[in-house]
């Protein structure tokens, strides 16, 4: 059985499996909002401001997805950007956690049931798709009598999940700019992100190319 029933997984709870890691205390406001499009509409934008960050991504002409970790987010827009009508708004909390176990008997966890982290370029969704791909290979062998393949799934995926979530957590802490010393370190970001090896590592992280996808031990 593949349990992919989300961050509040009832299957994971029934199995007594915990999500291990940490959470950030603040609300992250989220908007779909009309902006006057002063930014490159083909790119996502991250603006580091005192005490936090602002993320912007165009959804359609004139409408942008906007989120960050500051309560006065609409007052922290990039220079020259003016907010218009709000189409939708909400808020969320950020946790970076991995399930303590990812297989019990004939049940395995995948997607948000197994790992949660800050939203970074649909990284969590892609990681969940990988989980399903690997599980499919294991399940075929299990259906042919090799039940050990279900525990192989955990051995192959848990390390990947822990590594990815740890990397996203470090990136999120830097983006939040809290405490103040972290905010000071962000001043190095322009140099860091243009340095060849660092740039490649960040691209590989957000695109999911930072690890091979193993389907066998």
N, C-alpha and C. Protein backbone atom coordinates (compact mmCIF):
# COMPACT_ATOMS: atom_id res chain seq x y z
N UNK A 1 0.85 -1.20 0.00
CA UNK A 1 0.00 0.00 0.00
C UNK A 1 0.88 1.25 0.00
N UNK A 2 0.56 2.17 -0.87
CA UNK A 2 1.26 3.46 -0.92
C UNK A 2 0.40 4.50 -0.23
N UNK A 3 0.90 5.07 0.87
CA UNK A 3 0.18 6.11 1.60
C UNK A 3 0.73 7.47 1.21
N UNK A 4 -0.05 8.20 0.45
CA UNK A 4 0.35 9.55 0.01
C UNK A 4 -0.78 10.50 0.37
N UNK A 5 -1.17 10.47 1.65
CA UNK A 5 -2.34 11.22 2.09
C UNK A 5 -1.98 12.52 2.80
N UNK A 6 -0.87 13.11 2.44
CA UNK A 6 -0.58 14.49 2.81
C UNK A 6 0.14 14.66 4.13
N UNK A 7 0.41 15.93 4.42
CA UNK A 7 1.19 16.29 5.60
C UNK A 7 0.53 15.86 6.90
N UNK A 8 -0.80 15.78 6.91
CA UNK A 8 -1.54 15.34 8.10
C UNK A 8 -2.01 13.89 7.94
N UNK A 9 -1.15 13.08 7.36
CA UNK A 9 -1.47 11.70 7.01
C UNK A 9 -2.08 10.90 8.16
N UNK A 10 -3.26 10.37 7.92
CA UNK A 10 -3.91 9.50 8.89
C UNK A 10 -3.23 8.13 8.94
N UNK A 11 -2.71 7.70 7.81
CA UNK A 11 -1.99 6.42 7.78
C UNK A 11 -0.73 6.51 8.62
N UNK A 12 0.03 7.57 8.42
CA UNK A 12 1.25 7.76 9.21
C UNK A 12 0.93 7.82 10.70
N UNK A 13 -0.15 8.52 11.04
CA UNK A 13 -0.56 8.62 12.44
C UNK A 13 -0.94 7.26 13.00
N UNK A 14 -1.68 6.47 12.22
CA UNK A 14 -2.11 5.15 12.68
C UNK A 14 -0.93 4.21 12.90
N UNK A 15 0.12 4.41 12.13
CA UNK A 15 1.31 3.58 12.26
C UNK A 15 2.24 4.06 13.37
N UNK A 16 1.92 5.20 13.99
CA UNK A 16 2.74 5.73 15.07
C UNK A 16 4.05 6.32 14.61
N UNK A 17 4.09 6.77 13.36
CA UNK A 17 5.30 7.36 12.79
C UNK A 17 5.26 8.87 12.99
N UNK A 18 6.37 9.44 13.41
CA UNK A 18 6.43 10.88 13.65
C UNK A 18 7.14 11.59 12.50
N UNK A 19 6.83 12.87 12.35
CA UNK A 19 7.57 13.74 11.42
C UNK A 19 8.63 14.47 12.24
N UNK A 20 9.88 14.23 11.93
CA UNK A 20 10.97 14.78 12.73
C UNK A 20 11.61 15.98 12.01
N UNK A 21 11.82 17.03 12.77
CA UNK A 21 12.42 18.23 12.20
C UNK A 21 12.00 19.44 13.00
N UNK A 22 11.78 20.56 12.31
CA UNK A 22 11.44 21.80 13.00
C UNK A 22 10.46 22.62 12.18
N UNK A 23 9.85 23.62 12.84
CA UNK A 23 8.90 24.52 12.19
C UNK A 23 9.29 25.95 12.51
N UNK A 24 8.94 26.87 11.61
CA UNK A 24 9.15 28.29 11.86
C UNK A 24 7.90 28.87 12.50
N UNK A 25 8.06 29.80 13.44
CA UNK A 25 6.91 30.23 14.24
C UNK A 25 5.93 31.16 13.53
N UNK A 26 6.39 31.92 12.53
CA UNK A 26 5.56 32.98 11.98
C UNK A 26 4.60 32.47 10.89
N UNK A 27 3.51 33.22 10.71
CA UNK A 27 2.64 33.03 9.55
C UNK A 27 3.33 33.55 8.31
N UNK A 28 3.09 32.87 7.19
CA UNK A 28 3.58 33.34 5.89
C UNK A 28 2.36 33.77 5.07
N UNK A 29 2.10 35.07 4.93
CA UNK A 29 0.97 35.53 4.12
C UNK A 29 1.13 35.12 2.65
N UNK A 30 0.01 34.86 2.02
CA UNK A 30 -0.01 34.40 0.63
C UNK A 30 -1.11 35.14 -0.12
N UNK A 31 -0.76 35.70 -1.28
CA UNK A 31 -1.72 36.46 -2.08
C UNK A 31 -1.64 36.06 -3.55
N UNK A 32 -2.78 36.07 -4.22
CA UNK A 32 -2.84 36.21 -5.67
C UNK A 32 -3.38 37.62 -5.89
N UNK A 33 -2.56 38.47 -6.46
CA UNK A 33 -2.86 39.90 -6.43
C UNK A 33 -2.47 40.57 -7.74
N UNK A 34 -3.21 41.60 -8.09
CA UNK A 34 -2.87 42.38 -9.28
C UNK A 34 -1.71 43.31 -8.97
N UNK A 35 -0.68 43.24 -9.80
CA UNK A 35 0.45 44.16 -9.71
C UNK A 35 0.61 44.86 -11.04
N UNK A 36 1.33 45.98 -11.02
CA UNK A 36 1.44 46.76 -12.25
C UNK A 36 2.56 46.28 -13.17
N UNK A 37 3.01 45.01 -12.94
CA UNK A 37 3.97 44.34 -13.83
C UNK A 37 5.23 45.15 -14.13
N UNK A 38 5.94 45.65 -13.12
CA UNK A 38 7.20 46.33 -13.40
C UNK A 38 8.36 45.36 -13.52
N UNK A 39 8.09 44.08 -13.26
CA UNK A 39 9.14 43.07 -13.20
C UNK A 39 9.13 42.19 -14.44
N UNK A 40 10.21 41.50 -14.67
CA UNK A 40 10.31 40.53 -15.75
C UNK A 40 9.28 39.44 -15.50
N UNK A 41 8.29 39.33 -16.35
CA UNK A 41 7.19 38.40 -16.12
C UNK A 41 7.57 36.95 -16.42
N UNK A 42 8.74 36.74 -17.02
CA UNK A 42 9.18 35.39 -17.35
C UNK A 42 10.02 34.78 -16.24
N UNK A 43 10.23 35.51 -15.17
CA UNK A 43 11.08 35.04 -14.09
C UNK A 43 10.36 35.15 -12.75
N UNK A 44 10.73 34.28 -11.82
CA UNK A 44 10.32 34.44 -10.43
C UNK A 44 11.28 35.42 -9.77
N UNK A 45 10.81 36.11 -8.75
CA UNK A 45 11.63 37.14 -8.10
C UNK A 45 11.62 36.94 -6.59
N UNK A 46 12.79 37.04 -5.99
CA UNK A 46 12.93 37.00 -4.54
C UNK A 46 13.57 38.30 -4.10
N UNK A 47 12.90 38.99 -3.22
CA UNK A 47 13.39 40.26 -2.70
C UNK A 47 13.70 40.11 -1.22
N UNK A 48 14.98 40.29 -0.85
CA UNK A 48 15.37 40.22 0.55
C UNK A 48 15.19 41.60 1.17
N UNK A 49 14.42 41.65 2.24
CA UNK A 49 14.18 42.90 2.96
C UNK A 49 14.55 42.67 4.42
N UNK A 50 14.58 43.73 5.19
CA UNK A 50 14.96 43.60 6.58
C UNK A 50 14.03 42.63 7.32
N UNK A 51 14.60 41.62 7.89
CA UNK A 51 13.83 40.68 8.68
C UNK A 51 13.07 39.63 7.90
N UNK A 52 13.25 39.58 6.57
CA UNK A 52 12.50 38.57 5.83
C UNK A 52 12.72 38.59 4.34
N UNK A 53 11.72 38.07 3.63
CA UNK A 53 11.80 37.95 2.17
C UNK A 53 10.42 38.12 1.56
N UNK A 54 10.43 38.49 0.27
CA UNK A 54 9.20 38.60 -0.53
C UNK A 54 9.44 37.80 -1.81
N UNK A 55 8.52 36.88 -2.13
CA UNK A 55 8.62 36.07 -3.34
C UNK A 55 7.48 36.43 -4.28
N UNK A 56 7.79 36.61 -5.57
CA UNK A 56 6.78 36.98 -6.56
C UNK A 56 6.91 36.10 -7.79
N UNK A 57 5.78 35.62 -8.30
CA UNK A 57 5.74 34.82 -9.52
C UNK A 57 4.47 35.15 -10.27
N UNK A 58 4.60 35.51 -11.55
CA UNK A 58 3.41 35.87 -12.33
C UNK A 58 2.59 34.63 -12.66
N UNK A 59 1.28 34.70 -12.41
CA UNK A 59 0.36 33.62 -12.74
C UNK A 59 -0.29 33.81 -14.09
N UNK A 60 -0.63 35.06 -14.39
CA UNK A 60 -1.24 35.43 -15.67
C UNK A 60 -1.01 36.93 -15.84
N UNK A 61 -1.27 37.47 -17.01
CA UNK A 61 -1.00 38.91 -17.20
C UNK A 61 -1.64 39.76 -16.10
N UNK A 62 -0.80 40.49 -15.39
CA UNK A 62 -1.27 41.40 -14.35
C UNK A 62 -1.53 40.80 -13.00
N UNK A 63 -1.49 39.46 -12.88
CA UNK A 63 -1.78 38.79 -11.61
C UNK A 63 -0.56 37.97 -11.17
N UNK A 64 -0.16 38.19 -9.92
CA UNK A 64 1.05 37.56 -9.40
C UNK A 64 0.74 36.79 -8.12
N UNK A 65 1.46 35.69 -7.93
CA UNK A 65 1.47 34.97 -6.64
C UNK A 65 2.56 35.64 -5.79
N UNK A 66 2.18 35.99 -4.57
CA UNK A 66 3.05 36.74 -3.68
C UNK A 66 3.02 36.09 -2.30
N UNK A 67 4.20 35.78 -1.75
CA UNK A 67 4.23 35.31 -0.37
C UNK A 67 5.56 35.68 0.28
N UNK A 68 5.59 35.61 1.59
CA UNK A 68 6.78 35.92 2.36
C UNK A 68 6.52 35.68 3.82
N UNK A 69 7.50 36.02 4.64
CA UNK A 69 7.39 35.72 6.07
C UNK A 69 7.19 36.97 6.92
N UNK A 70 6.62 38.02 6.32
CA UNK A 70 6.41 39.28 7.03
C UNK A 70 4.93 39.64 7.04
N UNK A 71 4.41 40.13 8.15
CA UNK A 71 2.98 40.46 8.21
C UNK A 71 2.59 41.62 7.31
N UNK A 72 3.53 42.57 7.09
CA UNK A 72 3.23 43.74 6.26
C UNK A 72 3.78 43.55 4.85
N UNK A 73 3.50 42.40 4.28
CA UNK A 73 4.10 41.99 3.01
C UNK A 73 3.81 42.98 1.88
N UNK A 74 2.58 43.51 1.83
CA UNK A 74 2.21 44.41 0.74
C UNK A 74 2.92 45.75 0.83
N UNK A 75 3.53 46.02 1.96
CA UNK A 75 4.31 47.24 2.10
C UNK A 75 5.79 47.00 1.80
N UNK A 76 6.14 45.77 1.43
CA UNK A 76 7.54 45.40 1.18
C UNK A 76 7.78 45.03 -0.27
N UNK A 77 6.91 45.46 -1.17
CA UNK A 77 7.05 45.11 -2.58
C UNK A 77 8.28 45.79 -3.18
N UNK A 78 8.86 45.20 -4.24
CA UNK A 78 10.01 45.83 -4.88
C UNK A 78 9.69 47.25 -5.34
N UNK A 79 10.72 48.07 -5.38
CA UNK A 79 10.55 49.48 -5.75
C UNK A 79 9.85 49.61 -7.10
N UNK A 80 8.86 50.48 -7.16
CA UNK A 80 8.13 50.72 -8.40
C UNK A 80 6.95 49.80 -8.60
N UNK A 81 6.79 48.83 -7.70
CA UNK A 81 5.68 47.88 -7.81
C UNK A 81 4.49 48.37 -6.99
N UNK A 82 3.32 48.40 -7.62
CA UNK A 82 2.11 48.84 -6.93
C UNK A 82 1.08 47.73 -6.92
N UNK A 83 0.49 47.50 -5.74
CA UNK A 83 -0.50 46.44 -5.58
C UNK A 83 -1.88 46.94 -5.98
N UNK A 84 -2.66 46.04 -6.60
CA UNK A 84 -4.04 46.34 -6.95
C UNK A 84 -4.98 45.41 -6.22
N UNK A 85 -5.99 44.93 -6.92
CA UNK A 85 -7.02 44.09 -6.31
C UNK A 85 -6.45 42.74 -5.90
N UNK A 86 -6.89 42.27 -4.74
CA UNK A 86 -6.50 40.95 -4.25
C UNK A 86 -7.52 39.92 -4.75
N UNK A 87 -7.07 38.94 -5.51
CA UNK A 87 -7.96 37.90 -6.02
C UNK A 87 -8.19 36.80 -4.99
N UNK A 88 -7.18 36.54 -4.17
CA UNK A 88 -7.28 35.48 -3.17
C UNK A 88 -6.17 35.68 -2.16
N UNK A 89 -6.42 35.35 -0.90
CA UNK A 89 -5.37 35.45 0.08
C UNK A 89 -5.53 34.37 1.15
N UNK A 90 -4.42 33.99 1.71
CA UNK A 90 -4.41 32.98 2.74
C UNK A 90 -3.11 33.13 3.53
N UNK A 91 -2.76 32.13 4.29
CA UNK A 91 -1.47 32.12 4.98
C UNK A 91 -1.11 30.67 5.27
N UNK A 92 0.14 30.44 5.56
CA UNK A 92 0.57 29.07 5.85
C UNK A 92 1.75 29.12 6.81
N UNK A 93 2.08 27.97 7.36
CA UNK A 93 3.26 27.82 8.19
C UNK A 93 4.27 26.93 7.46
N UNK A 94 5.53 27.13 7.75
CA UNK A 94 6.58 26.36 7.10
C UNK A 94 7.20 25.41 8.12
N UNK A 95 7.24 24.14 7.75
CA UNK A 95 7.93 23.11 8.52
C UNK A 95 8.88 22.37 7.60
N UNK A 96 10.00 21.95 8.16
CA UNK A 96 10.96 21.13 7.43
C UNK A 96 11.12 19.83 8.22
N UNK A 97 10.44 18.78 7.77
CA UNK A 97 10.39 17.54 8.55
C UNK A 97 10.39 16.32 7.64
N UNK A 98 10.89 15.21 8.19
CA UNK A 98 10.94 13.93 7.47
C UNK A 98 10.40 12.85 8.40
N UNK A 99 9.63 11.92 7.86
CA UNK A 99 9.08 10.83 8.65
C UNK A 99 10.19 9.99 9.27
N UNK A 100 9.99 9.60 10.52
CA UNK A 100 11.01 8.79 11.21
C UNK A 100 11.18 7.42 10.55
N UNK A 101 10.11 6.90 9.98
CA UNK A 101 10.15 5.68 9.18
C UNK A 101 9.32 5.90 7.93
N UNK A 102 9.65 5.15 6.87
CA UNK A 102 8.90 5.33 5.63
C UNK A 102 8.34 4.03 5.08
N UNK A 103 8.51 2.96 5.85
CA UNK A 103 7.83 1.71 5.50
C UNK A 103 7.59 0.90 6.76
N UNK A 104 6.40 0.31 6.85
CA UNK A 104 6.04 -0.59 7.94
C UNK A 104 5.28 -1.74 7.32
N UNK A 105 5.85 -2.91 7.34
CA UNK A 105 5.20 -4.05 6.71
C UNK A 105 4.97 -3.80 5.23
N UNK A 106 3.71 -3.85 4.84
CA UNK A 106 3.39 -3.65 3.42
C UNK A 106 2.91 -2.24 3.12
N UNK A 107 3.15 -1.32 4.03
CA UNK A 107 2.75 0.08 3.85
C UNK A 107 3.99 0.96 3.72
N UNK A 108 4.02 1.82 2.71
CA UNK A 108 5.11 2.78 2.57
C UNK A 108 4.52 4.18 2.44
N UNK A 109 5.29 5.18 2.88
CA UNK A 109 4.86 6.58 2.82
C UNK A 109 5.52 7.29 1.65
N UNK A 110 4.78 8.22 1.06
CA UNK A 110 5.31 8.99 -0.07
C UNK A 110 4.75 10.41 -0.03
N UNK A 111 5.38 11.30 -0.76
CA UNK A 111 4.92 12.68 -0.84
C UNK A 111 4.94 13.35 0.52
N UNK A 112 3.98 14.25 0.74
CA UNK A 112 3.95 15.01 1.99
C UNK A 112 3.72 14.13 3.21
N UNK A 113 3.23 12.93 3.05
CA UNK A 113 3.12 12.02 4.18
C UNK A 113 4.49 11.63 4.71
N UNK A 114 5.51 11.70 3.85
CA UNK A 114 6.86 11.29 4.22
C UNK A 114 7.80 12.46 4.45
N UNK A 115 7.50 13.61 3.85
CA UNK A 115 8.43 14.75 3.94
C UNK A 115 7.69 16.05 3.64
N UNK A 116 7.98 17.07 4.43
CA UNK A 116 7.43 18.40 4.17
C UNK A 116 8.56 19.41 4.30
N UNK A 117 8.48 20.45 3.49
CA UNK A 117 9.48 21.52 3.59
C UNK A 117 8.93 22.79 2.96
N UNK A 118 9.70 23.85 3.08
CA UNK A 118 9.29 25.14 2.53
C UNK A 118 9.06 25.03 1.03
N UNK A 119 8.12 25.83 0.49
CA UNK A 119 7.86 25.77 -0.95
C UNK A 119 9.01 26.37 -1.76
N UNK A 120 9.71 25.52 -2.49
CA UNK A 120 10.83 25.95 -3.32
C UNK A 120 10.67 25.31 -4.69
N UNK A 121 10.19 26.09 -5.66
CA UNK A 121 10.11 25.66 -7.06
C UNK A 121 9.44 24.29 -7.23
N UNK A 122 8.36 24.05 -6.52
CA UNK A 122 7.61 22.78 -6.60
C UNK A 122 8.49 21.59 -6.25
N UNK A 123 9.52 21.83 -5.44
CA UNK A 123 10.47 20.76 -5.10
C UNK A 123 9.78 19.62 -4.39
N UNK A 124 8.84 19.93 -3.50
CA UNK A 124 8.14 18.88 -2.77
C UNK A 124 7.29 18.02 -3.68
N UNK A 125 6.60 18.63 -4.63
CA UNK A 125 5.79 17.88 -5.58
C UNK A 125 6.66 16.93 -6.41
N UNK A 126 7.78 17.44 -6.90
CA UNK A 126 8.66 16.62 -7.71
C UNK A 126 9.25 15.47 -6.91
N UNK A 127 9.55 15.74 -5.64
CA UNK A 127 10.08 14.68 -4.78
C UNK A 127 9.02 13.60 -4.58
N UNK A 128 7.77 14.00 -4.44
CA UNK A 128 6.69 13.04 -4.31
C UNK A 128 6.49 12.20 -5.56
N UNK A 129 6.65 12.83 -6.73
CA UNK A 129 6.56 12.08 -7.99
C UNK A 129 7.67 11.05 -8.07
N UNK A 130 8.87 11.43 -7.62
CA UNK A 130 9.97 10.46 -7.56
C UNK A 130 9.60 9.29 -6.66
N UNK A 131 9.00 9.59 -5.50
CA UNK A 131 8.59 8.53 -4.58
C UNK A 131 7.70 7.51 -5.29
N UNK A 132 6.72 8.01 -6.03
CA UNK A 132 5.78 7.12 -6.72
C UNK A 132 6.48 6.29 -7.78
N UNK A 133 7.44 6.90 -8.47
CA UNK A 133 8.20 6.19 -9.50
C UNK A 133 9.00 5.05 -8.89
N UNK A 134 9.69 5.34 -7.78
CA UNK A 134 10.49 4.31 -7.11
C UNK A 134 9.58 3.22 -6.53
N UNK A 135 8.47 3.64 -5.92
CA UNK A 135 7.54 2.67 -5.36
C UNK A 135 7.01 1.72 -6.43
N UNK A 136 6.71 2.25 -7.61
CA UNK A 136 6.18 1.40 -8.68
C UNK A 136 7.15 0.28 -9.02
N UNK A 137 8.43 0.60 -9.07
CA UNK A 137 9.43 -0.43 -9.34
C UNK A 137 9.47 -1.47 -8.22
N UNK A 138 9.41 -0.99 -6.97
CA UNK A 138 9.43 -1.91 -5.84
C UNK A 138 8.17 -2.76 -5.79
N UNK A 139 7.02 -2.14 -6.08
CA UNK A 139 5.74 -2.84 -6.00
C UNK A 139 5.65 -3.98 -7.01
N UNK A 140 6.20 -3.78 -8.20
CA UNK A 140 6.17 -4.85 -9.21
C UNK A 140 6.88 -6.09 -8.68
N UNK A 141 8.06 -5.88 -8.08
CA UNK A 141 8.80 -7.01 -7.54
C UNK A 141 8.06 -7.63 -6.35
N UNK A 142 7.44 -6.79 -5.51
CA UNK A 142 6.69 -7.30 -4.36
C UNK A 142 5.51 -8.16 -4.81
N UNK A 143 4.85 -7.74 -5.87
CA UNK A 143 3.71 -8.51 -6.39
C UNK A 143 4.15 -9.86 -6.95
N UNK A 144 5.44 -9.95 -7.30
CA UNK A 144 5.98 -11.22 -7.78
C UNK A 144 6.63 -12.01 -6.64
N UNK A 145 6.36 -11.59 -5.40
CA UNK A 145 6.79 -12.39 -4.26
C UNK A 145 7.98 -11.86 -3.47
N UNK A 146 8.66 -10.83 -3.98
CA UNK A 146 9.83 -10.29 -3.28
C UNK A 146 9.40 -9.14 -2.37
N UNK A 147 8.83 -9.47 -1.21
CA UNK A 147 8.30 -8.44 -0.31
C UNK A 147 9.40 -7.57 0.30
N UNK A 148 10.63 -8.03 0.27
CA UNK A 148 11.73 -7.23 0.80
C UNK A 148 11.84 -5.90 0.06
N UNK A 149 11.35 -5.84 -1.14
CA UNK A 149 11.46 -4.62 -1.95
C UNK A 149 10.69 -3.46 -1.31
N UNK A 150 9.70 -3.74 -0.48
CA UNK A 150 8.97 -2.66 0.19
C UNK A 150 9.85 -1.98 1.24
N UNK A 151 10.68 -2.76 1.93
CA UNK A 151 11.63 -2.14 2.86
C UNK A 151 12.79 -1.50 2.10
N UNK A 152 13.10 -2.01 0.91
CA UNK A 152 14.13 -1.37 0.07
C UNK A 152 13.72 0.06 -0.27
N UNK A 153 12.41 0.27 -0.46
CA UNK A 153 11.92 1.61 -0.77
C UNK A 153 12.39 2.60 0.29
N UNK A 154 12.22 2.25 1.57
CA UNK A 154 12.64 3.15 2.64
C UNK A 154 14.14 3.39 2.60
N UNK A 155 14.91 2.35 2.37
CA UNK A 155 16.36 2.49 2.33
C UNK A 155 16.80 3.41 1.20
N UNK A 156 16.08 3.38 0.10
CA UNK A 156 16.45 4.22 -1.05
C UNK A 156 15.95 5.64 -0.92
N UNK A 157 14.80 5.84 -0.26
CA UNK A 157 14.18 7.17 -0.28
C UNK A 157 14.46 8.00 0.98
N UNK A 158 14.61 7.35 2.13
CA UNK A 158 14.73 8.14 3.36
C UNK A 158 15.96 9.05 3.33
N UNK A 159 17.08 8.54 2.88
CA UNK A 159 18.29 9.35 2.82
C UNK A 159 18.10 10.53 1.88
N UNK A 160 17.45 10.28 0.74
CA UNK A 160 17.18 11.36 -0.22
C UNK A 160 16.31 12.43 0.43
N UNK A 161 15.23 12.01 1.08
CA UNK A 161 14.33 12.97 1.72
C UNK A 161 15.05 13.80 2.77
N UNK A 162 15.83 13.14 3.62
CA UNK A 162 16.54 13.85 4.69
C UNK A 162 17.51 14.87 4.11
N UNK A 163 18.21 14.50 3.06
CA UNK A 163 19.20 15.40 2.47
C UNK A 163 18.54 16.60 1.81
N UNK A 164 17.47 16.37 1.04
CA UNK A 164 16.78 17.46 0.36
C UNK A 164 16.15 18.41 1.37
N UNK A 165 15.46 17.87 2.38
CA UNK A 165 14.81 18.71 3.38
C UNK A 165 15.84 19.53 4.14
N UNK A 166 16.98 18.95 4.46
CA UNK A 166 18.03 19.69 5.17
C UNK A 166 18.54 20.85 4.33
N UNK A 167 18.71 20.63 3.05
CA UNK A 167 19.19 21.70 2.16
C UNK A 167 18.16 22.81 2.03
N UNK A 168 16.90 22.43 1.87
CA UNK A 168 15.84 23.44 1.77
C UNK A 168 15.73 24.21 3.08
N UNK A 169 15.89 23.53 4.19
CA UNK A 169 15.83 24.20 5.49
C UNK A 169 16.92 25.26 5.61
N UNK A 170 18.13 24.94 5.21
CA UNK A 170 19.22 25.93 5.27
C UNK A 170 18.92 27.12 4.38
N UNK A 171 18.39 26.83 3.19
CA UNK A 171 18.06 27.91 2.26
C UNK A 171 16.94 28.79 2.81
N UNK A 172 15.95 28.18 3.45
CA UNK A 172 14.84 28.93 4.03
C UNK A 172 15.31 29.81 5.17
N UNK A 173 16.18 29.29 6.02
CA UNK A 173 16.69 30.08 7.14
C UNK A 173 17.46 31.30 6.63
N UNK A 174 18.20 31.11 5.56
CA UNK A 174 18.93 32.24 4.99
C UNK A 174 17.95 33.26 4.40
N UNK A 175 16.93 32.77 3.69
CA UNK A 175 15.96 33.66 3.06
C UNK A 175 15.16 34.45 4.10
N UNK A 176 14.84 33.84 5.23
CA UNK A 176 14.06 34.52 6.28
C UNK A 176 14.81 35.72 6.84
N UNK A 177 16.13 35.65 6.87
CA UNK A 177 16.91 36.77 7.39
C UNK A 177 16.80 36.97 8.88
N UNK A 178 16.48 35.91 9.60
CA UNK A 178 16.35 36.00 11.05
C UNK A 178 17.17 34.86 11.68
N UNK A 179 17.90 35.13 12.74
CA UNK A 179 18.10 36.41 13.43
C UNK A 179 18.94 37.38 12.60
N UNK A 180 19.28 38.51 13.18
CA UNK A 180 19.94 39.59 12.44
C UNK A 180 21.23 39.14 11.79
N UNK A 181 21.99 38.25 12.45
CA UNK A 181 23.26 37.81 11.89
C UNK A 181 23.05 37.09 10.56
N UNK A 182 21.94 36.37 10.46
CA UNK A 182 21.62 35.70 9.20
C UNK A 182 21.30 36.73 8.13
N UNK A 183 20.57 37.79 8.53
CA UNK A 183 20.28 38.87 7.59
C UNK A 183 21.55 39.49 7.03
N UNK A 184 22.55 39.61 7.87
CA UNK A 184 23.83 40.17 7.43
C UNK A 184 24.50 39.25 6.42
N UNK A 185 24.40 37.95 6.63
CA UNK A 185 25.02 36.99 5.71
C UNK A 185 24.40 37.06 4.32
N UNK A 186 23.13 37.48 4.25
CA UNK A 186 22.46 37.54 2.94
C UNK A 186 23.10 38.57 2.02
N UNK A 187 23.86 39.49 2.58
CA UNK A 187 24.53 40.47 1.74
C UNK A 187 25.54 39.82 0.80
N UNK A 188 25.95 38.61 1.15
CA UNK A 188 26.89 37.88 0.32
C UNK A 188 26.20 37.12 -0.82
N UNK A 189 24.86 37.08 -0.79
CA UNK A 189 24.13 36.27 -1.76
C UNK A 189 24.44 36.59 -3.21
N UNK A 190 24.53 37.87 -3.62
CA UNK A 190 24.84 38.13 -5.04
C UNK A 190 26.14 37.47 -5.49
N UNK A 191 27.16 37.54 -4.64
CA UNK A 191 28.44 36.93 -4.99
C UNK A 191 28.34 35.41 -4.97
N UNK A 192 27.62 34.89 -3.96
CA UNK A 192 27.52 33.44 -3.82
C UNK A 192 26.78 32.82 -5.00
N UNK A 193 25.66 33.45 -5.40
CA UNK A 193 24.82 32.87 -6.44
C UNK A 193 25.43 32.98 -7.84
N UNK A 194 26.40 33.86 -8.02
CA UNK A 194 27.05 33.97 -9.33
C UNK A 194 28.34 33.16 -9.40
N UNK A 195 28.80 32.62 -8.25
CA UNK A 195 29.97 31.76 -8.23
C UNK A 195 29.60 30.43 -8.85
N UNK A 196 30.32 29.99 -9.85
CA UNK A 196 29.97 28.83 -10.66
C UNK A 196 29.49 27.61 -9.90
N UNK A 197 30.31 27.01 -9.03
CA UNK A 197 29.88 25.79 -8.32
C UNK A 197 28.65 26.01 -7.45
N UNK A 198 28.57 27.17 -6.77
CA UNK A 198 27.40 27.45 -5.94
C UNK A 198 26.16 27.63 -6.78
N UNK A 199 26.29 28.33 -7.89
CA UNK A 199 25.15 28.53 -8.80
C UNK A 199 24.62 27.18 -9.29
N UNK A 200 25.53 26.29 -9.69
CA UNK A 200 25.10 24.97 -10.16
C UNK A 200 24.39 24.19 -9.07
N UNK A 201 24.92 24.27 -7.85
CA UNK A 201 24.31 23.54 -6.73
C UNK A 201 22.89 24.04 -6.47
N UNK A 202 22.68 25.36 -6.53
CA UNK A 202 21.35 25.91 -6.28
C UNK A 202 20.38 25.53 -7.39
N UNK A 203 20.85 25.57 -8.64
CA UNK A 203 20.00 25.17 -9.76
C UNK A 203 19.61 23.70 -9.63
N UNK A 204 20.58 22.87 -9.28
CA UNK A 204 20.30 21.44 -9.13
C UNK A 204 19.32 21.19 -7.98
N UNK A 205 19.43 21.97 -6.91
CA UNK A 205 18.50 21.80 -5.78
C UNK A 205 17.07 22.12 -6.18
N UNK A 206 16.86 23.27 -6.79
CA UNK A 206 15.48 23.69 -7.08
C UNK A 206 14.87 22.91 -8.23
N UNK A 207 15.71 22.33 -9.10
CA UNK A 207 15.19 21.55 -10.22
C UNK A 207 15.08 20.06 -9.90
N UNK A 208 15.61 19.65 -8.76
CA UNK A 208 15.56 18.24 -8.39
C UNK A 208 16.63 17.39 -9.03
N UNK A 209 17.67 18.02 -9.56
CA UNK A 209 18.75 17.29 -10.21
C UNK A 209 19.95 17.11 -9.29
N UNK A 210 19.72 17.22 -7.98
CA UNK A 210 20.82 17.16 -7.02
C UNK A 210 21.07 15.75 -6.52
N UNK A 211 20.38 14.76 -7.08
CA UNK A 211 20.63 13.37 -6.67
C UNK A 211 20.14 12.44 -7.76
N UNK A 212 20.75 11.24 -7.86
CA UNK A 212 20.24 10.24 -8.79
C UNK A 212 18.99 9.58 -8.24
N UNK A 213 18.15 9.07 -9.11
CA UNK A 213 16.94 8.37 -8.68
C UNK A 213 17.23 6.87 -8.77
N UNK A 214 17.39 6.26 -7.60
CA UNK A 214 17.70 4.84 -7.54
C UNK A 214 16.41 4.03 -7.42
N UNK A 215 16.33 2.95 -8.17
CA UNK A 215 15.18 2.04 -8.08
C UNK A 215 15.60 0.66 -7.60
N UNK A 216 16.90 0.53 -7.26
CA UNK A 216 17.40 -0.74 -6.77
C UNK A 216 18.59 -0.46 -5.87
N UNK A 217 18.82 -1.32 -4.88
CA UNK A 217 19.96 -1.17 -3.98
C UNK A 217 21.22 -1.74 -4.63
